[in-house]
Amino acid sequence: MRRNFTHIVSTLFLIGVALVVLVTCHRKPVYPAALLQADSLTLVEPEEALTLLATLDRDMKTAPEASQKYYQLLCLKAADKAYITHTSDSLILDLVSYYESGGDERLLADAYYYAGRVYRDLGDAPKALAYFQRSLEAEDDEVNPALYAQIGEVFFEQSLYLQALGMYREAYRLDSLAADTIGAILDLRDIAFTHRVQHQPDSALIYLQRAEQLASLSGDDASISLINAQLAALYSRMGRSEEALPLIEEALPQAGRQDRFALLDIYANILLRQDDLDRAEPYFEEMTEASDLQVQLDAYNGLTQIAARKHRTEDYLTYFDKYRLLSDSLRRATATESVSRMNALYSYQQYERENAQLKLQSQRRLLLLLGVLALAVILIGALVTWFQFHRLQMKQKLARVQRLLREHMEKEVEQEQKAQMDALIKNSVLMKHLQESLDAEKPLTDEDVKDIEVLLDEVNPDFLPMLKQLGEMTDIEYQVSLLIRLGMSPIQISSLVLRDKSSVSAIRRRLYKKITGQNGNPADWDNIVLSI
């Protein structure tokens, strides 16, 4: 028996030695100095890094695979730092697969991070969030604050402001611990802006003033200009124009093209409110060259007002026509973006199922390998159990966030669709005709009722069938309900159906009682009609 025990100990010892040899022989790749130099340049001079990487393209074709993949990752990294929008996920998916399958594990967290950045540029918030979460899991002890800032940006873009604030504050905490002043300033700016869009100007001002103090201490001109611009925007929104103007004038010389347009938008509108039309007009004209549709819309709105006040009728008509066209384009773009984000959520469900299968296969291979290592079976079993529990927690958190994103986007799409239907009704020829009938004190005709039915059927084909399914209605009840859906006021309805206002109110109250079996106000029936 002692001989058997000695044999077991010897076998386990040999397995342990084999493990040590295996780990020792698995050496980490050594990369060319030029690639390491490009990596360091990406953070401070990304354009120079891109230039250097372009000169290495030919050499990389014959380089070892590890260097080729590192080169490709650096190209993505430098482009990202240079604010070049990613348009495809094919390269990053190949890199993620490589680093997950045995590539340099030191770069796996970076691969996940830039996958998140790629999908954020592609407008796929759930995939971006999933990869940022994986990057957090793959990080060593030192977590990159930019990860939390990026997750905050994803939440912010979906109007999930409470979750965004949590991520920004964690990024600020980590940047403060690392004594990264510039990072902390940007985090404070993000926190302030999130409070600002939630109509919490006092909270926003506190964080911007703290950022201003840090920027002044750092002496960094770009940071000072950035925070001055944010303060100017906030002061303008708070009605403190006199404090905003000098900050804008100080920030404008340092501002880049896009930041300059944003500052001019604030500046020109302040001058317009102060009736300084001659100074405001050239700034509004410059804003028409912006690529941002909202800035262009503000520009033509300002120029339209100036032309009206100066009695320049031809200019007024020209600017108003451009304002109207831009407004329609912006509304359509917003609706398209909402639908795209919704489709991205549905597509991601299929992606998650496939990804779960790949993860399961990877776990099985890992468990098979660990089965050979009898010496460490108990410890490894405990570690795997903890890892799976931790991953399950992360997946549950991610599922909750994805559900919240989906519900939010569905609500956005529904609201946008209703706004479009209301706009189509409001701008229809029929509504103009009905207004003329009101002005001429003419009653609603049978032909008008048919035209209303045609319009509503075009705008929302489900409305008339659903209205009729609610219950039997008299002709007058039916006409009142149609006019409510058109957005007519009780006074307008009473004029068109030749009833006084109290009679119309009684009809609406009676309809609510008839359909629901409960007593209610006239407005309760209006809400039922408008909700269809």
Protein backbone atom coordinates (compact mmCIF):
# COMPACT_ATOMS: atom_id res chain seq x y z
CA MET A 1 0.00 0.00 0.00
CA ARG A 2 2.90 2.30 0.82
CA ARG A 3 4.32 1.52 -2.64
CA ASN A 4 0.99 2.57 -4.26
CA PHE A 5 0.91 5.78 -2.24
CA THR A 6 4.53 6.53 -3.28
CA HIS A 7 3.55 5.92 -6.90
CA ILE A 8 0.58 8.33 -6.64
CA VAL A 9 2.75 11.03 -5.07
CA SER A 10 5.37 10.59 -7.80
CA THR A 11 2.71 10.83 -10.50
CA LEU A 12 1.23 13.99 -9.00
CA PHE A 13 4.71 15.48 -8.68
CA LEU A 14 5.43 14.80 -12.35
CA ILE A 15 2.09 16.41 -13.34
CA GLY A 16 3.02 19.47 -11.27
CA VAL A 17 6.44 19.70 -12.94
CA ALA A 18 4.77 19.39 -16.36
CA LEU A 19 2.45 22.25 -15.48
CA VAL A 20 5.38 24.46 -14.45
CA VAL A 21 7.20 23.63 -17.69
CA LEU A 22 4.04 24.33 -19.72
CA VAL A 23 3.53 27.72 -18.09
CA THR A 24 7.22 28.59 -18.43
CA CYS A 25 7.31 27.65 -22.10
CA HIS A 26 4.22 29.74 -22.89
CA ARG A 27 6.16 32.93 -23.35
CA LYS A 28 4.45 36.21 -24.00
CA PRO A 29 5.02 37.68 -27.49
CA VAL A 30 7.76 40.28 -27.98
CA TYR A 31 6.57 43.06 -30.31
CA PRO A 32 8.66 45.28 -32.64
CA ALA A 33 9.74 48.60 -31.12
CA ALA A 34 7.89 50.52 -33.86
CA LEU A 35 4.57 49.02 -32.77
CA LEU A 36 5.24 49.86 -29.12
CA GLN A 37 6.07 53.41 -30.18
CA ALA A 38 2.82 53.67 -32.17
CA ASP A 39 0.90 52.36 -29.14
CA SER A 40 2.30 55.12 -26.92
CA LEU A 41 1.50 57.74 -29.59
CA THR A 42 -2.17 56.74 -29.84
CA LEU A 43 -3.01 58.40 -26.52
CA VAL A 44 -1.29 61.74 -27.15
CA GLU A 45 -0.95 62.12 -30.94
CA PRO A 46 -3.33 59.66 -32.63
CA GLU A 47 -2.85 61.25 -36.07
CA GLU A 48 0.92 60.70 -35.84
CA ALA A 49 0.27 57.14 -34.71
CA LEU A 50 -1.87 56.53 -37.81
CA THR A 51 0.90 57.92 -40.03
CA LEU A 52 3.50 55.68 -38.38
CA LEU A 53 1.26 52.63 -38.66
CA ALA A 54 0.69 53.32 -42.37
CA THR A 55 4.46 53.09 -42.96
CA LEU A 56 4.53 49.67 -41.28
CA ASP A 57 1.75 48.13 -43.40
CA ARG A 58 4.04 46.34 -45.86
CA ASP A 59 6.34 44.93 -43.14
CA MET A 60 3.36 43.59 -41.18
CA LYS A 61 2.32 41.31 -44.06
CA THR A 62 5.32 39.04 -43.35
CA ALA A 63 5.45 39.58 -39.57
CA PRO A 64 4.50 36.86 -37.02
CA GLU A 65 0.76 36.47 -36.42
CA ALA A 66 0.96 38.02 -32.93
CA SER A 67 2.55 41.19 -34.37
CA GLN A 68 0.02 41.32 -37.22
CA LYS A 69 -2.91 41.16 -34.80
CA TYR A 70 -1.33 43.73 -32.49
CA TYR A 71 -0.83 46.00 -35.53
CA GLN A 72 -4.49 45.65 -36.54
CA LEU A 73 -5.63 46.40 -32.99
CA LEU A 74 -3.43 49.51 -32.92
CA CYS A 75 -4.94 50.72 -36.21
CA LEU A 76 -8.40 50.50 -34.64
CA LYS A 77 -7.18 52.15 -31.45
CA ALA A 78 -5.49 55.08 -33.23
CA ALA A 79 -8.53 55.65 -35.47
CA ASP A 80 -10.78 55.65 -32.42
CA LYS A 81 -8.59 58.16 -30.56
CA ALA A 82 -8.55 60.35 -33.70
CA TYR A 83 -12.40 60.41 -33.65
CA ILE A 84 -12.67 58.49 -36.93
CA THR A 85 -16.07 56.77 -36.97
CA HIS A 86 -15.98 52.97 -37.21
CA THR A 87 -18.14 51.66 -40.06
CA SER A 88 -17.63 47.88 -39.88
CA ASP A 89 -17.26 45.18 -37.22
CA SER A 90 -15.47 42.56 -39.36
CA LEU A 91 -11.92 43.41 -38.20
CA ILE A 92 -12.69 43.72 -34.50
CA LEU A 93 -14.67 40.45 -34.47
CA ASP A 94 -11.64 38.68 -35.98
CA LEU A 95 -9.38 40.23 -33.32
CA VAL A 96 -11.73 39.30 -30.47
CA SER A 97 -11.84 35.70 -31.73
CA TYR A 98 -8.03 35.61 -31.94
CA TYR A 99 -7.41 36.94 -28.43
CA GLU A 100 -10.11 34.73 -26.94
CA SER A 101 -8.57 31.65 -28.57
CA GLY A 102 -5.06 31.91 -27.16
CA GLY A 103 -3.67 35.24 -28.34
CA ASP A 104 -1.81 37.59 -25.99
CA GLU A 105 -4.14 37.66 -22.96
CA ARG A 106 -2.79 41.09 -22.00
CA LEU A 107 -4.62 42.54 -25.03
CA LEU A 108 -7.97 40.74 -24.58
CA ALA A 109 -9.46 43.55 -22.45
CA ASP A 110 -8.40 46.09 -25.13
CA ALA A 111 -9.99 43.98 -27.87
CA TYR A 112 -13.27 43.86 -25.95
CA TYR A 113 -13.08 47.62 -25.27
CA TYR A 114 -12.63 48.56 -28.94
CA ALA A 115 -15.36 46.10 -29.93
CA GLY A 116 -17.60 48.14 -27.65
CA ARG A 117 -16.43 51.36 -29.31
CA VAL A 118 -17.08 49.92 -32.80
CA TYR A 119 -20.63 48.86 -31.92
CA ARG A 120 -21.30 52.20 -30.25
CA ASP A 121 -20.38 53.93 -33.54
CA LEU A 122 -22.60 51.46 -35.39
CA GLY A 123 -25.53 52.43 -33.13
CA ASP A 124 -25.87 48.97 -31.55
CA ALA A 125 -26.14 49.89 -27.85
CA PRO A 126 -26.75 46.35 -26.46
CA LYS A 127 -23.68 44.87 -28.21
CA ALA A 128 -21.55 47.86 -27.17
CA LEU A 129 -22.65 47.42 -23.57
CA ALA A 130 -21.97 43.67 -23.65
CA TYR A 131 -18.40 44.14 -24.89
CA PHE A 132 -17.66 46.90 -22.38
CA GLN A 133 -18.85 44.54 -19.62
CA ARG A 134 -16.55 41.80 -20.96
CA SER A 135 -13.66 44.26 -20.96
CA LEU A 136 -14.35 44.99 -17.30
CA GLU A 137 -14.29 41.26 -16.53
CA ALA A 138 -11.04 40.77 -18.48
CA GLU A 139 -9.23 43.68 -16.79
CA ASP A 140 -6.55 42.96 -14.22
CA ASP A 141 -6.53 44.71 -10.85
CA GLU A 142 -6.16 48.10 -12.52
CA VAL A 143 -9.50 49.01 -14.17
CA ASN A 144 -9.55 51.57 -16.98
CA PRO A 145 -11.78 54.54 -15.96
CA ALA A 146 -12.60 55.09 -19.65
CA LEU A 147 -14.60 51.85 -19.56
CA TYR A 148 -17.04 53.29 -17.04
CA ALA A 149 -17.21 56.56 -19.00
CA GLN A 150 -18.05 54.64 -22.20
CA ILE A 151 -20.77 52.60 -20.47
CA GLY A 152 -22.11 55.91 -19.15
CA GLU A 153 -22.20 57.26 -22.70
CA VAL A 154 -24.23 54.24 -23.89
CA PHE A 155 -26.75 54.78 -21.08
CA PHE A 156 -26.86 58.54 -21.77
CA GLU A 157 -27.55 58.03 -25.47
CA GLN A 158 -30.57 55.92 -24.51
CA SER A 159 -31.76 58.64 -22.06
CA LEU A 160 -31.08 56.35 -19.07
CA TYR A 161 -29.68 59.23 -17.07
CA LEU A 162 -29.66 57.67 -13.60
CA GLN A 163 -27.57 54.72 -14.79
CA ALA A 164 -25.31 57.09 -16.77
CA LEU A 165 -24.62 59.18 -13.66
CA GLY A 166 -23.56 56.06 -11.74
CA MET A 167 -21.02 55.15 -14.42
CA TYR A 168 -19.67 58.73 -14.73
CA ARG A 169 -19.19 58.99 -10.97
CA GLU A 170 -17.27 55.71 -10.87
CA ALA A 171 -15.05 56.95 -13.72
CA TYR A 172 -14.45 60.18 -11.76
CA ARG A 173 -13.55 58.21 -8.62
CA LEU A 174 -11.01 56.08 -10.50
CA ASP A 175 -9.50 59.06 -12.37
CA SER A 176 -9.17 60.93 -9.07
CA LEU A 177 -7.40 57.95 -7.45
CA ALA A 178 -5.04 57.80 -10.44
CA ALA A 179 -4.44 61.59 -10.24
CA ASP A 180 -5.59 61.89 -13.88
CA THR A 181 -6.66 65.54 -13.84
CA ILE A 182 -7.77 65.70 -17.49
CA GLY A 183 -9.83 62.53 -17.11
CA ALA A 184 -11.42 63.87 -13.91
CA ILE A 185 -12.32 67.15 -15.67
CA LEU A 186 -14.05 65.24 -18.49
CA ASP A 187 -15.91 63.07 -15.97
CA LEU A 188 -17.17 66.16 -14.11
CA ARG A 189 -18.25 67.66 -17.43
CA ASP A 190 -20.24 64.49 -18.24
CA ILE A 191 -21.88 64.46 -14.80
CA ALA A 192 -22.80 68.14 -15.13
CA PHE A 193 -24.24 67.70 -18.63
CA THR A 194 -26.36 64.76 -17.46
CA HIS A 195 -27.82 66.93 -14.69
CA ARG A 196 -28.37 69.72 -17.21
CA VAL A 197 -30.44 67.60 -19.61
CA GLN A 198 -32.55 66.52 -16.62
CA HIS A 199 -33.34 70.19 -15.93
CA GLN A 200 -31.20 70.29 -12.76
CA PRO A 201 -29.14 73.44 -13.43
CA ASP A 202 -28.03 73.97 -9.83
CA SER A 203 -26.50 70.48 -9.61
CA ALA A 204 -24.90 70.93 -13.05
CA LEU A 205 -23.37 74.23 -11.93
CA ILE A 206 -21.77 72.63 -8.84
CA TYR A 207 -19.93 70.02 -10.93
CA LEU A 208 -18.90 72.50 -13.63
CA GLN A 209 -17.45 74.86 -11.03
CA ARG A 210 -15.47 71.97 -9.58
CA ALA A 211 -14.24 71.13 -13.09
CA GLU A 212 -13.33 74.80 -13.63
CA GLN A 213 -11.16 74.75 -10.51
CA LEU A 214 -9.35 71.60 -11.69
CA ALA A 215 -8.86 73.04 -15.18
CA SER A 216 -7.40 76.28 -13.77
CA LEU A 217 -5.01 74.32 -11.55
CA SER A 218 -3.92 72.13 -14.46
CA GLY A 219 -3.20 75.13 -16.70
CA ASP A 220 -4.40 73.11 -19.70
CA ASP A 221 -5.83 75.59 -22.24
CA ALA A 222 -8.00 72.97 -23.98
CA SER A 223 -9.63 71.92 -20.69
CA ILE A 224 -10.20 75.53 -19.63
CA SER A 225 -11.81 76.30 -23.00
CA LEU A 226 -13.97 73.16 -22.80
CA ILE A 227 -15.32 73.95 -19.33
CA ASN A 228 -15.85 77.63 -20.18
CA ALA A 229 -17.99 76.52 -23.12
CA GLN A 230 -20.05 74.23 -20.89
CA LEU A 231 -20.48 76.99 -18.28
CA ALA A 232 -21.55 79.41 -20.99
CA ALA A 233 -24.21 76.98 -22.24
CA LEU A 234 -25.50 76.47 -18.70
CA TYR A 235 -25.55 80.18 -17.85
CA SER A 236 -27.44 80.87 -21.08
CA ARG A 237 -30.05 78.23 -20.22
CA MET A 238 -30.35 79.72 -16.70
CA GLY A 239 -31.01 83.17 -18.18
CA ARG A 240 -27.65 84.54 -17.00
CA SER A 241 -26.56 85.84 -20.40
CA GLU A 242 -24.17 88.49 -19.06
CA GLU A 243 -22.10 85.76 -17.41
CA ALA A 244 -22.24 83.53 -20.51
CA LEU A 245 -21.01 86.10 -23.08
CA PRO A 246 -17.43 86.66 -21.77
CA LEU A 247 -16.94 82.90 -21.34
CA ILE A 248 -17.97 82.27 -24.97
CA GLU A 249 -15.69 85.05 -26.22
CA GLU A 250 -12.80 83.50 -24.26
CA ALA A 251 -13.54 79.94 -25.48
CA LEU A 252 -14.12 80.68 -29.19
CA PRO A 253 -10.44 81.15 -30.24
CA GLN A 254 -9.52 77.72 -28.80
CA ALA A 255 -12.59 75.84 -30.05
CA GLY A 256 -12.45 73.25 -32.82
CA ARG A 257 -14.90 73.33 -35.73
CA GLN A 258 -17.76 71.43 -34.07
CA ASP A 259 -17.29 73.09 -30.67
CA ARG A 260 -17.21 76.47 -32.40
CA PHE A 261 -20.62 75.88 -33.97
CA ALA A 262 -22.07 74.90 -30.59
CA LEU A 263 -20.66 78.08 -29.01
CA LEU A 264 -21.89 80.25 -31.89
CA ASP A 265 -25.37 78.78 -31.44
CA ILE A 266 -25.45 80.03 -27.84
CA TYR A 267 -23.74 83.34 -28.65
CA ALA A 268 -25.94 84.27 -31.61
CA ASN A 269 -29.15 83.46 -29.75
CA ILE A 270 -28.10 85.60 -26.77
CA LEU A 271 -27.43 88.53 -29.14
CA LEU A 272 -30.81 87.90 -30.79
CA ARG A 273 -32.58 88.02 -27.42
CA GLN A 274 -30.76 91.30 -26.72
CA ASP A 275 -32.06 92.60 -30.08
CA ASP A 276 -28.47 93.05 -31.36
CA LEU A 277 -29.46 91.85 -34.83
CA ASP A 278 -26.46 93.17 -36.78
CA ARG A 279 -23.98 91.28 -34.59
CA ALA A 280 -26.06 88.11 -34.43
CA GLU A 281 -26.73 87.75 -38.18
CA PRO A 282 -23.18 86.84 -39.38
CA TYR A 283 -22.90 84.20 -36.64
CA PHE A 284 -26.17 82.61 -37.71
CA GLU A 285 -24.93 82.66 -41.33
CA GLU A 286 -21.71 80.87 -40.31
CA MET A 287 -23.77 78.24 -38.47
CA THR A 288 -25.51 77.25 -41.74
CA GLU A 289 -22.19 75.56 -42.73
CA ALA A 290 -22.37 73.12 -39.78
CA SER A 291 -22.81 69.40 -40.43
CA ASP A 292 -25.13 69.10 -37.41
CA LEU A 293 -28.75 69.41 -38.59
CA GLN A 294 -29.85 70.85 -35.24
CA VAL A 295 -27.29 73.68 -35.49
CA GLN A 296 -28.44 74.40 -39.07
CA LEU A 297 -32.05 74.43 -37.88
CA ASP A 298 -31.19 76.94 -35.12
CA ALA A 299 -29.31 79.03 -37.69
CA TYR A 300 -32.25 79.34 -40.08
CA ASN A 301 -34.62 79.94 -37.19
CA GLY A 302 -32.46 82.89 -36.10
CA LEU A 303 -32.09 84.24 -39.64
CA THR A 304 -35.87 83.97 -40.14
CA GLN A 305 -36.49 86.04 -37.01
CA ILE A 306 -33.91 88.66 -38.02
CA ALA A 307 -35.39 88.96 -41.52
CA ALA A 308 -38.86 89.39 -40.02
CA ARG A 309 -37.73 92.10 -37.60
CA LYS A 310 -35.88 93.94 -40.39
CA HIS A 311 -38.91 93.60 -42.71
CA ARG A 312 -36.91 91.76 -45.40
CA THR A 313 -39.81 89.74 -46.81
CA GLU A 314 -37.90 87.87 -49.52
CA ASP A 315 -35.15 86.78 -47.09
CA TYR A 316 -37.80 85.82 -44.55
CA LEU A 317 -39.53 83.47 -47.02
CA THR A 318 -36.20 81.94 -48.13
CA TYR A 319 -34.98 81.28 -44.59
CA PHE A 320 -38.35 80.02 -43.38
CA ASP A 321 -38.57 77.55 -46.27
CA LYS A 322 -35.10 76.17 -45.41
CA TYR A 323 -36.08 76.03 -41.73
CA ARG A 324 -39.21 74.05 -42.56
CA LEU A 325 -37.34 71.58 -44.80
CA LEU A 326 -34.64 71.05 -42.17
CA SER A 327 -37.25 70.56 -39.47
CA ASP A 328 -38.90 67.80 -41.52
CA SER A 329 -35.52 66.16 -42.23
CA LEU A 330 -34.56 66.21 -38.57
CA ARG A 331 -37.91 64.71 -37.57
CA ARG A 332 -37.53 61.89 -40.11
CA ALA A 333 -33.92 61.25 -39.05
CA THR A 334 -34.98 61.00 -35.42
CA ALA A 335 -37.73 58.53 -36.27
CA THR A 336 -35.36 56.43 -38.42
CA GLU A 337 -32.77 56.36 -35.64
CA SER A 338 -35.37 55.18 -33.12
CA VAL A 339 -36.49 52.36 -35.41
CA SER A 340 -32.86 51.37 -36.10
CA ARG A 341 -32.10 51.12 -32.41
CA MET A 342 -35.22 49.01 -31.95
CA ASN A 343 -34.15 46.64 -34.73
CA ALA A 344 -30.69 46.40 -33.17
CA LEU A 345 -32.25 45.10 -29.96
CA TYR A 346 -34.15 42.38 -31.81
CA SER A 347 -31.03 41.34 -33.77
CA TYR A 348 -29.02 41.16 -30.59
CA GLN A 349 -31.29 38.45 -29.15
CA GLN A 350 -30.19 36.08 -31.91
CA TYR A 351 -26.56 37.13 -31.40
CA GLU A 352 -26.78 36.36 -27.68
CA ARG A 353 -28.13 32.86 -28.31
CA GLU A 354 -25.27 32.05 -30.68
CA ASN A 355 -22.74 33.59 -28.32
CA ALA A 356 -24.09 31.55 -25.40
CA GLN A 357 -23.51 28.34 -27.38
CA LEU A 358 -19.93 29.35 -28.14
CA LYS A 359 -19.35 30.11 -24.46
CA LEU A 360 -20.77 26.73 -23.48
CA GLN A 361 -18.45 24.93 -25.91
CA SER A 362 -15.47 26.87 -24.58
CA GLN A 363 -16.38 25.98 -21.00
CA ARG A 364 -16.62 22.28 -21.86
CA ARG A 365 -13.14 22.28 -23.41
CA LEU A 366 -11.82 24.05 -20.34
CA LEU A 367 -13.43 21.52 -17.99
CA LEU A 368 -11.99 18.63 -20.04
CA LEU A 369 -8.48 20.10 -19.72
CA LEU A 370 -8.90 20.68 -16.00
CA GLY A 371 -9.94 17.04 -15.55
CA VAL A 372 -6.38 15.97 -16.45
CA LEU A 373 -4.95 18.14 -13.67
CA ALA A 374 -5.91 15.88 -10.73
CA LEU A 375 -3.62 17.69 -8.28
CA ALA A 376 -5.66 20.89 -8.47
CA VAL A 377 -9.15 19.46 -8.99
CA ILE A 378 -10.66 20.68 -5.71
CA LEU A 379 -9.22 24.20 -5.96
CA ILE A 380 -10.09 24.54 -9.65
CA GLY A 381 -13.63 23.29 -8.97
CA ALA A 382 -14.11 26.01 -6.38
CA LEU A 383 -12.69 28.65 -8.71
CA VAL A 384 -14.91 27.56 -11.61
CA THR A 385 -17.98 27.64 -9.35
CA TRP A 386 -17.17 31.17 -8.24
CA PHE A 387 -16.44 32.27 -11.80
CA GLN A 388 -19.73 30.86 -13.10
CA PHE A 389 -21.66 32.49 -10.26
CA HIS A 390 -19.98 35.83 -10.98
CA ARG A 391 -20.67 35.51 -14.72
CA LEU A 392 -24.31 34.62 -13.99
CA GLN A 393 -24.63 37.78 -11.91
CA MET A 394 -23.15 39.86 -14.73
CA LYS A 395 -25.49 38.24 -17.28
CA GLN A 396 -28.48 38.91 -15.04
CA LYS A 397 -27.45 42.56 -14.69
CA LEU A 398 -26.94 42.80 -18.45
CA ALA A 399 -30.36 41.20 -19.09
CA ARG A 400 -32.03 43.77 -16.83
CA VAL A 401 -30.27 46.62 -18.63
CA GLN A 402 -31.19 45.22 -22.06
CA ARG A 403 -34.85 44.88 -21.03
CA LEU A 404 -34.80 48.48 -19.80
CA LEU A 405 -33.24 49.64 -23.08
CA ARG A 406 -35.82 47.73 -25.12
CA GLU A 407 -38.77 49.12 -23.16
CA HIS A 408 -37.37 52.62 -23.42
CA MET A 409 -36.85 52.37 -27.18
CA GLU A 410 -40.35 50.92 -27.73
CA LYS A 411 -41.80 53.89 -25.87
CA GLU A 412 -39.70 56.30 -27.96
CA VAL A 413 -40.85 54.74 -31.23
CA GLU A 414 -44.51 54.82 -30.11
CA GLN A 415 -44.28 58.48 -29.14
CA GLU A 416 -42.55 59.38 -32.41
CA GLN A 417 -45.18 57.54 -34.47
CA LYS A 418 -48.01 59.35 -32.68
CA ALA A 419 -46.26 62.70 -33.18
CA GLN A 420 -45.95 61.96 -36.91
CA MET A 421 -49.64 61.00 -37.17
CA ASP A 422 -50.68 64.18 -35.36
CA ALA A 423 -48.45 66.25 -37.65
CA LEU A 424 -49.97 64.65 -40.78
CA ILE A 425 -53.47 65.42 -39.50
CA LYS A 426 -52.62 68.99 -38.49
CA ASN A 427 -51.04 69.82 -41.87
CA SER A 428 -53.70 68.12 -44.02
CA VAL A 429 -55.88 69.89 -46.56
CA LEU A 430 -58.95 68.63 -44.67
CA MET A 431 -57.95 70.48 -41.50
CA LYS A 432 -57.61 73.69 -43.48
CA HIS A 433 -61.07 73.08 -44.94
CA LEU A 434 -62.58 72.48 -41.50
CA GLN A 435 -60.95 75.65 -40.20
CA GLU A 436 -62.52 77.56 -43.10
CA SER A 437 -65.88 76.02 -42.17
CA LEU A 438 -65.39 77.21 -38.60
CA ASP A 439 -64.50 80.69 -39.77
CA ALA A 440 -67.59 80.77 -42.00
CA GLU A 441 -69.74 79.15 -39.28
CA LYS A 442 -70.64 76.26 -41.60
CA PRO A 443 -71.68 72.92 -40.05
CA LEU A 444 -70.03 69.55 -40.65
CA THR A 445 -71.41 67.81 -43.76
CA ASP A 446 -71.70 64.13 -44.63
CA GLU A 447 -68.97 64.69 -47.23
CA ASP A 448 -66.75 66.12 -44.50
CA VAL A 449 -67.31 63.00 -42.36
CA LYS A 450 -66.28 60.77 -45.29
CA ASP A 451 -63.17 62.90 -45.85
CA ILE A 452 -62.30 62.62 -42.15
CA GLU A 453 -62.66 58.83 -42.34
CA VAL A 454 -60.37 58.72 -45.41
CA LEU A 455 -57.72 60.87 -43.67
CA LEU A 456 -57.77 58.86 -40.45
CA ASP A 457 -57.64 55.60 -42.41
CA GLU A 458 -54.51 56.85 -44.22
CA VAL A 459 -52.80 58.05 -41.05
CA ASN A 460 -53.77 55.15 -38.76
CA PRO A 461 -55.62 52.25 -40.47
CA ASP A 462 -56.46 50.69 -37.09
CA PHE A 463 -58.28 53.72 -35.68
CA LEU A 464 -61.74 53.46 -37.28
CA PRO A 465 -62.13 49.67 -36.77
CA MET A 466 -61.08 49.95 -33.13
CA LEU A 467 -63.36 52.95 -32.52
CA LYS A 468 -66.36 51.08 -33.97
CA GLN A 469 -65.52 47.99 -31.89
CA LEU A 470 -65.92 50.02 -28.70
CA GLY A 471 -69.73 49.98 -29.11
CA GLU A 472 -72.70 51.32 -31.02
CA MET A 473 -72.78 55.12 -31.48
CA THR A 474 -75.31 57.55 -32.85
CA ASP A 475 -74.31 59.75 -35.79
CA ILE A 476 -73.66 62.74 -33.52
CA GLU A 477 -71.60 60.63 -31.08
CA TYR A 478 -69.56 59.25 -33.97
CA GLN A 479 -68.94 62.74 -35.42
CA VAL A 480 -67.86 64.12 -32.04
CA SER A 481 -65.42 61.21 -31.61
CA LEU A 482 -63.89 61.79 -35.07
CA LEU A 483 -63.43 65.50 -34.37
CA ILE A 484 -61.78 64.70 -31.01
CA ARG A 485 -59.21 62.53 -32.85
CA LEU A 486 -58.51 65.44 -35.21
CA GLY A 487 -57.53 67.51 -32.16
CA MET A 488 -60.53 69.84 -32.26
CA SER A 489 -61.40 71.75 -29.09
CA PRO A 490 -64.88 71.39 -27.50
CA ILE A 491 -65.82 74.89 -28.76
CA GLN A 492 -64.78 73.99 -32.33
CA ILE A 493 -66.68 70.69 -32.14
CA SER A 494 -69.85 72.38 -30.89
CA SER A 495 -69.70 74.83 -33.81
CA LEU A 496 -69.25 72.07 -36.40
CA VAL A 497 -72.01 69.78 -35.08
CA LEU A 498 -74.43 72.64 -34.28
CA ARG A 499 -74.62 71.91 -30.58
CA ASP A 500 -73.77 74.15 -27.67
CA LYS A 501 -70.65 73.38 -25.60
CA SER A 502 -72.62 71.82 -22.71
CA SER A 503 -74.34 69.42 -25.12
CA VAL A 504 -70.99 68.32 -26.53
CA SER A 505 -69.70 67.76 -22.99
CA ALA A 506 -72.80 65.68 -22.21
CA ILE A 507 -72.22 63.57 -25.34
CA ARG A 508 -68.60 62.88 -24.34
CA ARG A 509 -69.62 62.03 -20.76
CA ARG A 510 -72.43 59.75 -22.05
CA LEU A 511 -70.06 57.93 -24.39
CA TYR A 512 -67.63 57.21 -21.54
CA LYS A 513 -70.48 55.82 -19.41
CA LYS A 514 -71.84 53.75 -22.32
CA ILE A 515 -68.48 52.17 -23.20
CA THR A 516 -66.95 51.65 -19.73
CA GLY A 517 -70.06 51.37 -17.53
CA GLN A 518 -68.55 53.95 -15.18
CA ASN A 519 -69.19 57.63 -14.56
CA GLY A 520 -66.48 59.96 -15.77
CA ASN A 521 -65.56 63.37 -17.13
CA PRO A 522 -65.83 64.41 -20.79
CA ALA A 523 -62.02 64.41 -20.92
CA ASP A 524 -62.01 60.69 -20.00
CA TRP A 525 -63.67 59.88 -23.32
CA ASP A 526 -61.19 62.17 -25.11
CA ASN A 527 -58.32 60.16 -23.59
CA ILE A 528 -59.82 56.88 -24.85
CA VAL A 529 -60.18 58.23 -28.40
CA LEU A 530 -56.69 59.77 -28.46
CA SER A 531 -55.08 56.59 -27.12
CA ILE A 532 -56.21 54.46 -30.08
